[in-house]
């Protein structure tokens, strides 16, 4: 399992899906994805004036920060991890 360092509280279900997705990402991209998405997801939550990171924040972080060349892989992995990503796009 990939461990994440956070500055905010994360919704437990969203965090479990996020960890599952991180473990599906190829290892050579995993650390970069984790670092970038952690920061952006927390920024997204703060912009919503939320006290915790939720699924919407994670999905929007992935879609805004992952390079377009990896978009189809990202969508497939979000689906495999259980994210309802279509709701937030």
PDB file of N, CA and C in Angstrom:
ATOM      1  N   UNK A   1       0.840  -1.182   0.000  1.00  0.00           N
ATOM      2  CA  UNK A   1       0.000   0.000   0.000  1.00  0.00           C
ATOM      3  C   UNK A   1       0.885   1.246   0.000  1.00  0.00           C
ATOM      4  N   UNK A   2       0.445   2.249  -0.722  1.00  0.00           N
ATOM      5  CA  UNK A   2       1.146   3.519  -0.793  1.00  0.00           C
ATOM      6  C   UNK A   2       0.705   4.368   0.385  1.00  0.00           C
ATOM      7  N   UNK A   3       1.661   4.961   1.094  1.00  0.00           N
ATOM      8  CA  UNK A   3       1.275   5.843   2.191  1.00  0.00           C
ATOM      9  C   UNK A   3       1.299   7.281   1.691  1.00  0.00           C
ATOM     10  N   UNK A   4       0.384   8.083   2.223  1.00  0.00           N
ATOM     11  CA  UNK A   4       0.321   9.480   1.813  1.00  0.00           C
ATOM     12  C   UNK A   4       0.490  10.380   3.023  1.00  0.00           C
ATOM     13  N   UNK A   5       1.138  11.504   2.795  1.00  0.00           N
ATOM     14  CA  UNK A   5       1.280  12.530   3.819  1.00  0.00           C
ATOM     15  C   UNK A   5       0.227  13.587   3.535  1.00  0.00           C
ATOM     16  N   UNK A   6      -0.555  13.934   4.538  1.00  0.00           N
ATOM     17  CA  UNK A   6      -1.627  14.901   4.322  1.00  0.00           C
ATOM     18  C   UNK A   6      -1.567  16.028   5.334  1.00  0.00           C
ATOM     19  N   UNK A   7      -2.147  17.139   4.946  1.00  0.00           N
ATOM     20  CA  UNK A   7      -2.278  18.282   5.839  1.00  0.00           C
ATOM     21  C   UNK A   7      -3.717  18.476   6.283  1.00  0.00           C
ATOM     22  N   UNK A   8      -4.634  17.749   5.655  1.00  0.00           N
ATOM     23  CA  UNK A   8      -6.058  17.834   5.969  1.00  0.00           C
ATOM     24  C   UNK A   8      -6.574  16.434   6.258  1.00  0.00           C
ATOM     25  N   UNK A   9      -7.746  16.379   6.820  1.00  0.00           N
ATOM     26  CA  UNK A   9      -8.426  15.097   6.989  1.00  0.00           C
ATOM     27  C   UNK A   9      -9.007  14.697   5.638  1.00  0.00           C
ATOM     28  N   UNK A  10      -9.019  13.402   5.359  1.00  0.00           N
ATOM     29  CA  UNK A  10      -9.575  12.867   4.116  1.00  0.00           C
ATOM     30  C   UNK A  10     -10.757  11.968   4.468  1.00  0.00           C
ATOM     31  N   UNK A  11     -11.820  12.043   3.682  1.00  0.00           N
ATOM     32  CA  UNK A  11     -12.942  11.134   3.822  1.00  0.00           C
ATOM     33  C   UNK A  11     -12.412   9.711   3.695  1.00  0.00           C
ATOM     34  N   UNK A  12     -12.784   8.834   4.607  1.00  0.00           N
ATOM     35  CA  UNK A  12     -12.220   7.484   4.662  1.00  0.00           C
ATOM     36  C   UNK A  12     -12.494   6.672   3.395  1.00  0.00           C
ATOM     37  N   UNK A  13     -13.692   6.769   2.869  1.00  0.00           N
ATOM     38  CA  UNK A  13     -14.029   6.002   1.662  1.00  0.00           C
ATOM     39  C   UNK A  13     -13.263   6.538   0.459  1.00  0.00           C
ATOM     40  N   UNK A  14     -13.211   7.859   0.330  1.00  0.00           N
ATOM     41  CA  UNK A  14     -12.460   8.468  -0.775  1.00  0.00           C
ATOM     42  C   UNK A  14     -10.973   8.126  -0.666  1.00  0.00           C
ATOM     43  N   UNK A  15     -10.439   8.130   0.542  1.00  0.00           N
ATOM     44  CA  UNK A  15      -9.032   7.793   0.742  1.00  0.00           C
ATOM     45  C   UNK A  15      -8.754   6.341   0.371  1.00  0.00           C
ATOM     46  N   UNK A  16      -9.660   5.456   0.703  1.00  0.00           N
ATOM     47  CA  UNK A  16      -9.483   4.041   0.347  1.00  0.00           C
ATOM     48  C   UNK A  16      -9.469   3.871  -1.169  1.00  0.00           C
ATOM     49  N   UNK A  17     -10.360   4.566  -1.864  1.00  0.00           N
ATOM     50  CA  UNK A  17     -10.376   4.507  -3.331  1.00  0.00           C
ATOM     51  C   UNK A  17      -9.089   5.097  -3.900  1.00  0.00           C
ATOM     52  N   UNK A  18      -8.643   6.184  -3.323  1.00  0.00           N
ATOM     53  CA  UNK A  18      -7.409   6.845  -3.767  1.00  0.00           C
ATOM     54  C   UNK A  18      -6.221   5.915  -3.591  1.00  0.00           C
ATOM     55  N   UNK A  19      -6.112   5.278  -2.443  1.00  0.00           N
ATOM     56  CA  UNK A  19      -5.010   4.337  -2.217  1.00  0.00           C
ATOM     57  C   UNK A  19      -5.072   3.170  -3.194  1.00  0.00           C
ATOM     58  N   UNK A  20      -6.284   2.684  -3.461  1.00  0.00           N
ATOM     59  CA  UNK A  20      -6.439   1.605  -4.435  1.00  0.00           C
ATOM     60  C   UNK A  20      -5.964   2.060  -5.811  1.00  0.00           C
ATOM     61  N   UNK A  21      -6.348   3.268  -6.192  1.00  0.00           N
ATOM     62  CA  UNK A  21      -5.928   3.781  -7.496  1.00  0.00           C
ATOM     63  C   UNK A  21      -4.417   3.974  -7.557  1.00  0.00           C
ATOM     64  N   UNK A  22      -3.845   4.527  -6.501  1.00  0.00           N
ATOM     65  CA  UNK A  22      -2.390   4.712  -6.488  1.00  0.00           C
ATOM     66  C   UNK A  22      -1.660   3.387  -6.686  1.00  0.00           C
ATOM     67  N   UNK A  23      -2.175   2.339  -6.098  1.00  0.00           N
ATOM     68  CA  UNK A  23      -1.542   1.030  -6.240  1.00  0.00           C
ATOM     69  C   UNK A  23      -1.704   0.441  -7.638  1.00  0.00           C
ATOM     70  N   UNK A  24      -2.654   0.961  -8.421  1.00  0.00           N
ATOM     71  CA  UNK A  24      -2.848   0.511  -9.789  1.00  0.00           C
ATOM     72  C   UNK A  24      -1.982   1.280 -10.790  1.00  0.00           C
ATOM     73  N   UNK A  25      -1.497   2.449 -10.382  1.00  0.00           N
ATOM     74  CA  UNK A  25      -0.663   3.280 -11.251  1.00  0.00           C
ATOM     75  C   UNK A  25       0.707   2.624 -11.385  1.00  0.00           C
ATOM     76  N   UNK A  26       1.250   2.595 -12.609  1.00  0.00           N
ATOM     77  CA  UNK A  26       2.591   2.022 -12.776  1.00  0.00           C
ATOM     78  C   UNK A  26       3.585   2.651 -11.793  1.00  0.00           C
ATOM     79  N   UNK A  27       4.426   1.816 -11.246  1.00  0.00           N
ATOM     80  CA  UNK A  27       5.309   2.232 -10.151  1.00  0.00           C
ATOM     81  C   UNK A  27       6.179   3.441 -10.478  1.00  0.00           C
ATOM     82  N   UNK A  28       6.603   3.554 -11.725  1.00  0.00           N
ATOM     83  CA  UNK A  28       7.481   4.674 -12.070  1.00  0.00           C
ATOM     84  C   UNK A  28       6.728   6.000 -12.150  1.00  0.00           C
ATOM     85  N   UNK A  29       5.406   5.992 -12.123  1.00  0.00           N
ATOM     86  CA  UNK A  29       4.605   7.221 -12.098  1.00  0.00           C
ATOM     87  C   UNK A  29       3.915   7.434 -10.754  1.00  0.00           C
ATOM     88  N   UNK A  30       3.899   6.421  -9.947  1.00  0.00           N
ATOM     89  CA  UNK A  30       3.107   6.432  -8.712  1.00  0.00           C
ATOM     90  C   UNK A  30       3.499   7.546  -7.747  1.00  0.00           C
ATOM     91  N   UNK A  31       4.766   7.696  -7.483  1.00  0.00           N
ATOM     92  CA  UNK A  31       5.214   8.712  -6.524  1.00  0.00           C
ATOM     93  C   UNK A  31       4.900  10.121  -6.983  1.00  0.00           C
ATOM     94  N   UNK A  32       5.114  10.375  -8.255  1.00  0.00           N
ATOM     95  CA  UNK A  32       4.822  11.701  -8.801  1.00  0.00           C
ATOM     96  C   UNK A  32       3.324  11.972  -8.733  1.00  0.00           C
ATOM     97  N   UNK A  33       2.527  10.996  -9.145  1.00  0.00           N
ATOM     98  CA  UNK A  33       1.072  11.161  -9.102  1.00  0.00           C
ATOM     99  C   UNK A  33       0.611  11.427  -7.675  1.00  0.00           C
ATOM    100  N   UNK A  34       1.126  10.645  -6.735  1.00  0.00           N
ATOM    101  CA  UNK A  34       0.737  10.812  -5.328  1.00  0.00           C
ATOM    102  C   UNK A  34       1.054  12.218  -4.849  1.00  0.00           C
ATOM    103  N   UNK A  35       2.264  12.677  -5.099  1.00  0.00           N
ATOM    104  CA  UNK A  35       2.672  13.990  -4.602  1.00  0.00           C
ATOM    105  C   UNK A  35       1.836  15.113  -5.201  1.00  0.00           C
ATOM    106  N   UNK A  36       1.632  15.064  -6.507  1.00  0.00           N
ATOM    107  CA  UNK A  36       0.890  16.119  -7.193  1.00  0.00           C
ATOM    108  C   UNK A  36      -0.586  16.092  -6.822  1.00  0.00           C
ATOM    109  N   UNK A  37      -1.175  14.903  -6.814  1.00  0.00           N
ATOM    110  CA  UNK A  37      -2.610  14.795  -6.523  1.00  0.00           C
ATOM    111  C   UNK A  37      -2.893  15.124  -5.061  1.00  0.00           C
ATOM    112  N   UNK A  38      -2.021  14.730  -4.148  1.00  0.00           N
ATOM    113  CA  UNK A  38      -2.227  15.084  -2.730  1.00  0.00           C
ATOM    114  C   UNK A  38      -2.378  16.593  -2.567  1.00  0.00           C
ATOM    115  N   UNK A  39      -1.452  17.327  -3.142  1.00  0.00           N
ATOM    116  CA  UNK A  39      -1.465  18.786  -3.009  1.00  0.00           C
ATOM    117  C   UNK A  39      -2.713  19.374  -3.650  1.00  0.00           C
ATOM    118  N   UNK A  40      -2.998  18.955  -4.890  1.00  0.00           N
ATOM    119  CA  UNK A  40      -4.129  19.530  -5.615  1.00  0.00           C
ATOM    120  C   UNK A  40      -5.465  19.144  -4.982  1.00  0.00           C
ATOM    121  N   UNK A  41      -5.603  17.925  -4.503  1.00  0.00           N
ATOM    122  CA  UNK A  41      -6.852  17.503  -3.857  1.00  0.00           C
ATOM    123  C   UNK A  41      -7.123  18.343  -2.609  1.00  0.00           C
ATOM    124  N   UNK A  42      -6.090  18.603  -1.836  1.00  0.00           N
ATOM    125  CA  UNK A  42      -6.270  19.427  -0.638  1.00  0.00           C
ATOM    126  C   UNK A  42      -6.595  20.876  -1.009  1.00  0.00           C
ATOM    127  N   UNK A  43      -5.976  21.373  -2.076  1.00  0.00           N
ATOM    128  CA  UNK A  43      -6.312  22.720  -2.552  1.00  0.00           C
ATOM    129  C   UNK A  43      -7.773  22.773  -3.001  1.00  0.00           C
ATOM    130  N   UNK A  44      -8.205  21.739  -3.718  1.00  0.00           N
ATOM    131  CA  UNK A  44      -9.600  21.679  -4.167  1.00  0.00           C
ATOM    132  C   UNK A  44     -10.563  21.699  -2.984  1.00  0.00           C
ATOM    133  N   UNK A  45     -10.254  20.937  -1.950  1.00  0.00           N
ATOM    134  CA  UNK A  45     -11.110  20.911  -0.762  1.00  0.00           C
ATOM    135  C   UNK A  45     -11.152  22.283  -0.088  1.00  0.00           C
ATOM    136  N   UNK A  46     -10.008  22.924   0.007  1.00  0.00           N
ATOM    137  CA  UNK A  46      -9.960  24.257   0.619  1.00  0.00           C
ATOM    138  C   UNK A  46     -10.767  25.263  -0.193  1.00  0.00           C
ATOM    139  N   UNK A  47     -10.700  25.160  -1.516  1.00  0.00           N
ATOM    140  CA  UNK A  47     -11.472  26.064  -2.376  1.00  0.00           C
ATOM    141  C   UNK A  47     -12.977  25.852  -2.199  1.00  0.00           C
ATOM    142  N   UNK A  48     -13.372  24.626  -1.866  1.00  0.00           N
ATOM    143  CA  UNK A  48     -14.786  24.345  -1.593  1.00  0.00           C
ATOM    144  C   UNK A  48     -15.166  24.712  -0.161  1.00  0.00           C
ATOM    145  N   UNK A  49     -14.201  25.172   0.615  1.00  0.00           N
ATOM    146  CA  UNK A  49     -14.389  25.498   2.034  1.00  0.00           C
ATOM    147  C   UNK A  49     -14.794  24.268   2.829  1.00  0.00           C
ATOM    148  N   UNK A  50     -14.187  23.141   2.485  1.00  0.00           N
ATOM    149  CA  UNK A  50     -14.460  21.877   3.162  1.00  0.00           C
ATOM    150  C   UNK A  50     -13.374  21.606   4.197  1.00  0.00           C
ATOM    151  N   UNK A  51     -13.732  20.898   5.234  1.00  0.00           N
ATOM    152  CA  UNK A  51     -12.759  20.531   6.262  1.00  0.00           C
ATOM    153  C   UNK A  51     -12.052  19.224   5.931  1.00  0.00           C
ATOM    154  N   UNK A  52     -12.516  18.544   4.871  1.00  0.00           N
ATOM    155  CA  UNK A  52     -11.879  17.289   4.487  1.00  0.00           C
ATOM    156  C   UNK A  52     -11.856  17.127   2.975  1.00  0.00           C
ATOM    157  N   UNK A  53     -10.929  16.326   2.520  1.00  0.00           N
ATOM    158  CA  UNK A  53     -10.825  15.983   1.107  1.00  0.00           C
ATOM    159  C   UNK A  53     -11.856  14.908   0.815  1.00  0.00           C
ATOM    160  N   UNK A  54     -12.613  15.108  -0.249  1.00  0.00           N
ATOM    161  CA  UNK A  54     -13.645  14.164  -0.647  1.00  0.00           C
ATOM    162  C   UNK A  54     -13.379  13.674  -2.064  1.00  0.00           C
ATOM    163  N   UNK A  55     -14.194  12.735  -2.499  1.00  0.00           N
ATOM    164  CA  UNK A  55     -14.004  12.118  -3.816  1.00  0.00           C
ATOM    165  C   UNK A  55     -13.907  13.155  -4.932  1.00  0.00           C
ATOM    166  N   UNK A  56     -14.765  14.149  -4.911  1.00  0.00           N
ATOM    167  CA  UNK A  56     -14.759  15.178  -5.946  1.00  0.00           C
ATOM    168  C   UNK A  56     -13.397  15.857  -6.036  1.00  0.00           C
ATOM    169  N   UNK A  57     -12.759  16.105  -4.910  1.00  0.00           N
ATOM    170  CA  UNK A  57     -11.466  16.773  -4.886  1.00  0.00           C
ATOM    171  C   UNK A  57     -10.375  15.910  -5.522  1.00  0.00           C
ATOM    172  N   UNK A  58     -10.442  14.621  -5.258  1.00  0.00           N
ATOM    173  CA  UNK A  58      -9.446  13.693  -5.801  1.00  0.00           C
ATOM    174  C   UNK A  58      -9.629  13.547  -7.305  1.00  0.00           C
ATOM    175  N   UNK A  59     -10.868  13.358  -7.750  1.00  0.00           N
ATOM    176  CA  UNK A  59     -11.128  13.204  -9.180  1.00  0.00           C
ATOM    177  C   UNK A  59     -10.690  14.449  -9.938  1.00  0.00           C
ATOM    178  N   UNK A  60     -11.058  15.616  -9.428  1.00  0.00           N
ATOM    179  CA  UNK A  60     -10.677  16.857 -10.101  1.00  0.00           C
ATOM    180  C   UNK A  60      -9.159  17.067 -10.067  1.00  0.00           C
ATOM    181  N   UNK A  61      -8.511  16.611  -9.021  1.00  0.00           N
ATOM    182  CA  UNK A  61      -7.047  16.713  -8.964  1.00  0.00           C
ATOM    183  C   UNK A  61      -6.408  15.848 -10.041  1.00  0.00           C
ATOM    184  N   UNK A  62      -6.874  14.613 -10.162  1.00  0.00           N
ATOM    185  CA  UNK A  62      -6.333  13.745 -11.204  1.00  0.00           C
ATOM    186  C   UNK A  62      -6.572  14.342 -12.583  1.00  0.00           C
ATOM    187  N   UNK A  63      -7.794  14.792 -12.851  1.00  0.00           N
ATOM    188  CA  UNK A  63      -8.108  15.259 -14.201  1.00  0.00           C
ATOM    189  C   UNK A  63      -7.405  16.562 -14.551  1.00  0.00           C
ATOM    190  N   UNK A  64      -7.063  17.361 -13.565  1.00  0.00           N
ATOM    191  CA  UNK A  64      -6.380  18.619 -13.870  1.00  0.00           C
ATOM    192  C   UNK A  64      -4.859  18.491 -13.863  1.00  0.00           C
ATOM    193  N   UNK A  65      -4.318  17.498 -13.177  1.00  0.00           N
ATOM    194  CA  UNK A  65      -2.865  17.429 -13.014  1.00  0.00           C
ATOM    195  C   UNK A  65      -2.187  16.325 -13.830  1.00  0.00           C
ATOM    196  N   UNK A  66      -2.923  15.303 -14.205  1.00  0.00           N
ATOM    197  CA  UNK A  66      -2.317  14.200 -14.959  1.00  0.00           C
ATOM    198  C   UNK A  66      -2.187  14.620 -16.420  1.00  0.00           C
ATOM    199  N   UNK A  67      -1.026  14.421 -17.015  1.00  0.00           N
ATOM    200  CA  UNK A  67      -0.835  14.799 -18.421  1.00  0.00           C
ATOM    201  C   UNK A  67      -1.857  14.111 -19.333  1.00  0.00           C
ATOM    202  N   UNK A  68      -2.284  14.826 -20.360  1.00  0.00           N
ATOM    203  CA  UNK A  68      -3.313  14.323 -21.274  1.00  0.00           C
ATOM    204  C   UNK A  68      -2.902  13.012 -21.935  1.00  0.00           C
ATOM    205  N   UNK A  69      -1.629  12.761 -22.095  1.00  0.00           N
ATOM    206  CA  UNK A  69      -1.172  11.508 -22.701  1.00  0.00           C
ATOM    207  C   UNK A  69      -1.591  10.299 -21.876  1.00  0.00           C
ATOM    208  N   UNK A  70      -1.835  10.499 -20.582  1.00  0.00           N
ATOM    209  CA  UNK A  70      -2.213   9.406 -19.690  1.00  0.00           C
ATOM    210  C   UNK A  70      -3.697   9.434 -19.331  1.00  0.00           C
ATOM    211  N   UNK A  71      -4.485  10.274 -20.026  1.00  0.00           N
ATOM    212  CA  UNK A  71      -5.882  10.466 -19.670  1.00  0.00           C
ATOM    213  C   UNK A  71      -6.686   9.165 -19.724  1.00  0.00           C
ATOM    214  N   UNK A  72      -6.555   8.399 -20.795  1.00  0.00           N
ATOM    215  CA  UNK A  72      -7.357   7.175 -20.919  1.00  0.00           C
ATOM    216  C   UNK A  72      -6.976   6.162 -19.843  1.00  0.00           C
ATOM    217  N   UNK A  73      -5.696   6.053 -19.520  1.00  0.00           N
ATOM    218  CA  UNK A  73      -5.263   5.170 -18.435  1.00  0.00           C
ATOM    219  C   UNK A  73      -5.842   5.653 -17.110  1.00  0.00           C
ATOM    220  N   UNK A  74      -5.796   6.962 -16.876  1.00  0.00           N
ATOM    221  CA  UNK A  74      -6.310   7.527 -15.630  1.00  0.00           C
ATOM    222  C   UNK A  74      -7.800   7.222 -15.474  1.00  0.00           C
ATOM    223  N   UNK A  75      -8.577   7.393 -16.535  1.00  0.00           N
ATOM    224  CA  UNK A  75     -10.014   7.127 -16.477  1.00  0.00           C
ATOM    225  C   UNK A  75     -10.265   5.655 -16.168  1.00  0.00           C
ATOM    226  N   UNK A  76      -9.526   4.773 -16.815  1.00  0.00           N
ATOM    227  CA  UNK A  76      -9.702   3.340 -16.560  1.00  0.00           C
ATOM    228  C   UNK A  76      -9.365   3.001 -15.116  1.00  0.00           C
ATOM    229  N   UNK A  77      -8.279   3.581 -14.600  1.00  0.00           N
ATOM    230  CA  UNK A  77      -7.884   3.311 -13.217  1.00  0.00           C
ATOM    231  C   UNK A  77      -8.879   3.901 -12.216  1.00  0.00           C
ATOM    232  N   UNK A  78      -9.435   5.083 -12.528  1.00  0.00           N
ATOM    233  CA  UNK A  78     -10.460   5.647 -11.643  1.00  0.00           C
ATOM    234  C   UNK A  78     -11.668   4.715 -11.588  1.00  0.00           C
ATOM    235  N   UNK A  79     -12.053   4.202 -12.738  1.00  0.00           N
ATOM    236  CA  UNK A  79     -13.168   3.256 -12.784  1.00  0.00           C
ATOM    237  C   UNK A  79     -12.838   2.007 -11.963  1.00  0.00           C
ATOM    238  N   UNK A  80     -11.651   1.448 -12.167  1.00  0.00           N
ATOM    239  CA  UNK A  80     -11.240   0.234 -11.443  1.00  0.00           C
ATOM    240  C   UNK A  80     -11.170   0.459  -9.935  1.00  0.00           C
ATOM    241  N   UNK A  81     -10.836   1.682  -9.523  1.00  0.00           N
ATOM    242  CA  UNK A  81     -10.728   2.000  -8.092  1.00  0.00           C
ATOM    243  C   UNK A  81     -12.088   2.318  -7.459  1.00  0.00           C
ATOM    244  N   UNK A  82     -13.114   2.485  -8.292  1.00  0.00           N
ATOM    245  CA  UNK A  82     -14.449   2.731  -7.754  1.00  0.00           C
ATOM    246  C   UNK A  82     -14.876   4.186  -7.713  1.00  0.00           C
ATOM    247  N   UNK A  83     -14.093   5.073  -8.329  1.00  0.00           N
ATOM    248  CA  UNK A  83     -14.480   6.479  -8.362  1.00  0.00           C
ATOM    249  C   UNK A  83     -15.637   6.681  -9.335  1.00  0.00           C
ATOM    250  N   UNK A  84     -16.618   7.489  -8.954  1.00  0.00           N
ATOM    251  CA  UNK A  84     -17.723   7.862  -9.835  1.00  0.00           C
ATOM    252  C   UNK A  84     -17.304   9.132 -10.568  1.00  0.00           C
ATOM    253  N   UNK A  85     -16.266   9.017 -11.380  1.00  0.00           N
ATOM    254  CA  UNK A  85     -15.619  10.167 -11.988  1.00  0.00           C
ATOM    255  C   UNK A  85     -16.524  10.917 -12.967  1.00  0.00           C
ATOM    256  N   UNK A  86     -17.449  10.239 -13.650  1.00  0.00           N
ATOM    257  CA  UNK A  86     -18.309  10.904 -14.624  1.00  0.00           C
ATOM    258  C   UNK A  86     -19.158  11.985 -13.987  1.00  0.00           C
ATOM    259  N   UNK A  87     -19.491  11.810 -12.740  1.00  0.00           N
ATOM    260  CA  UNK A  87     -20.308  12.767 -12.000  1.00  0.00           C
ATOM    261  C   UNK A  87     -19.584  14.113 -11.836  1.00  0.00           C
ATOM    262  N   UNK A  88     -18.254  14.087 -11.840  1.00  0.00           N
ATOM    263  CA  UNK A  88     -17.483  15.294 -11.545  1.00  0.00           C
ATOM    264  C   UNK A  88     -16.814  15.917 -12.759  1.00  0.00           C
ATOM    265  N   UNK A  89     -16.965  15.303 -13.925  1.00  0.00           N
ATOM    266  CA  UNK A  89     -16.306  15.832 -15.121  1.00  0.00           C
ATOM    267  C   UNK A  89     -17.225  16.710 -15.931  1.00  0.00           C
TER     268      UNK A  89
END
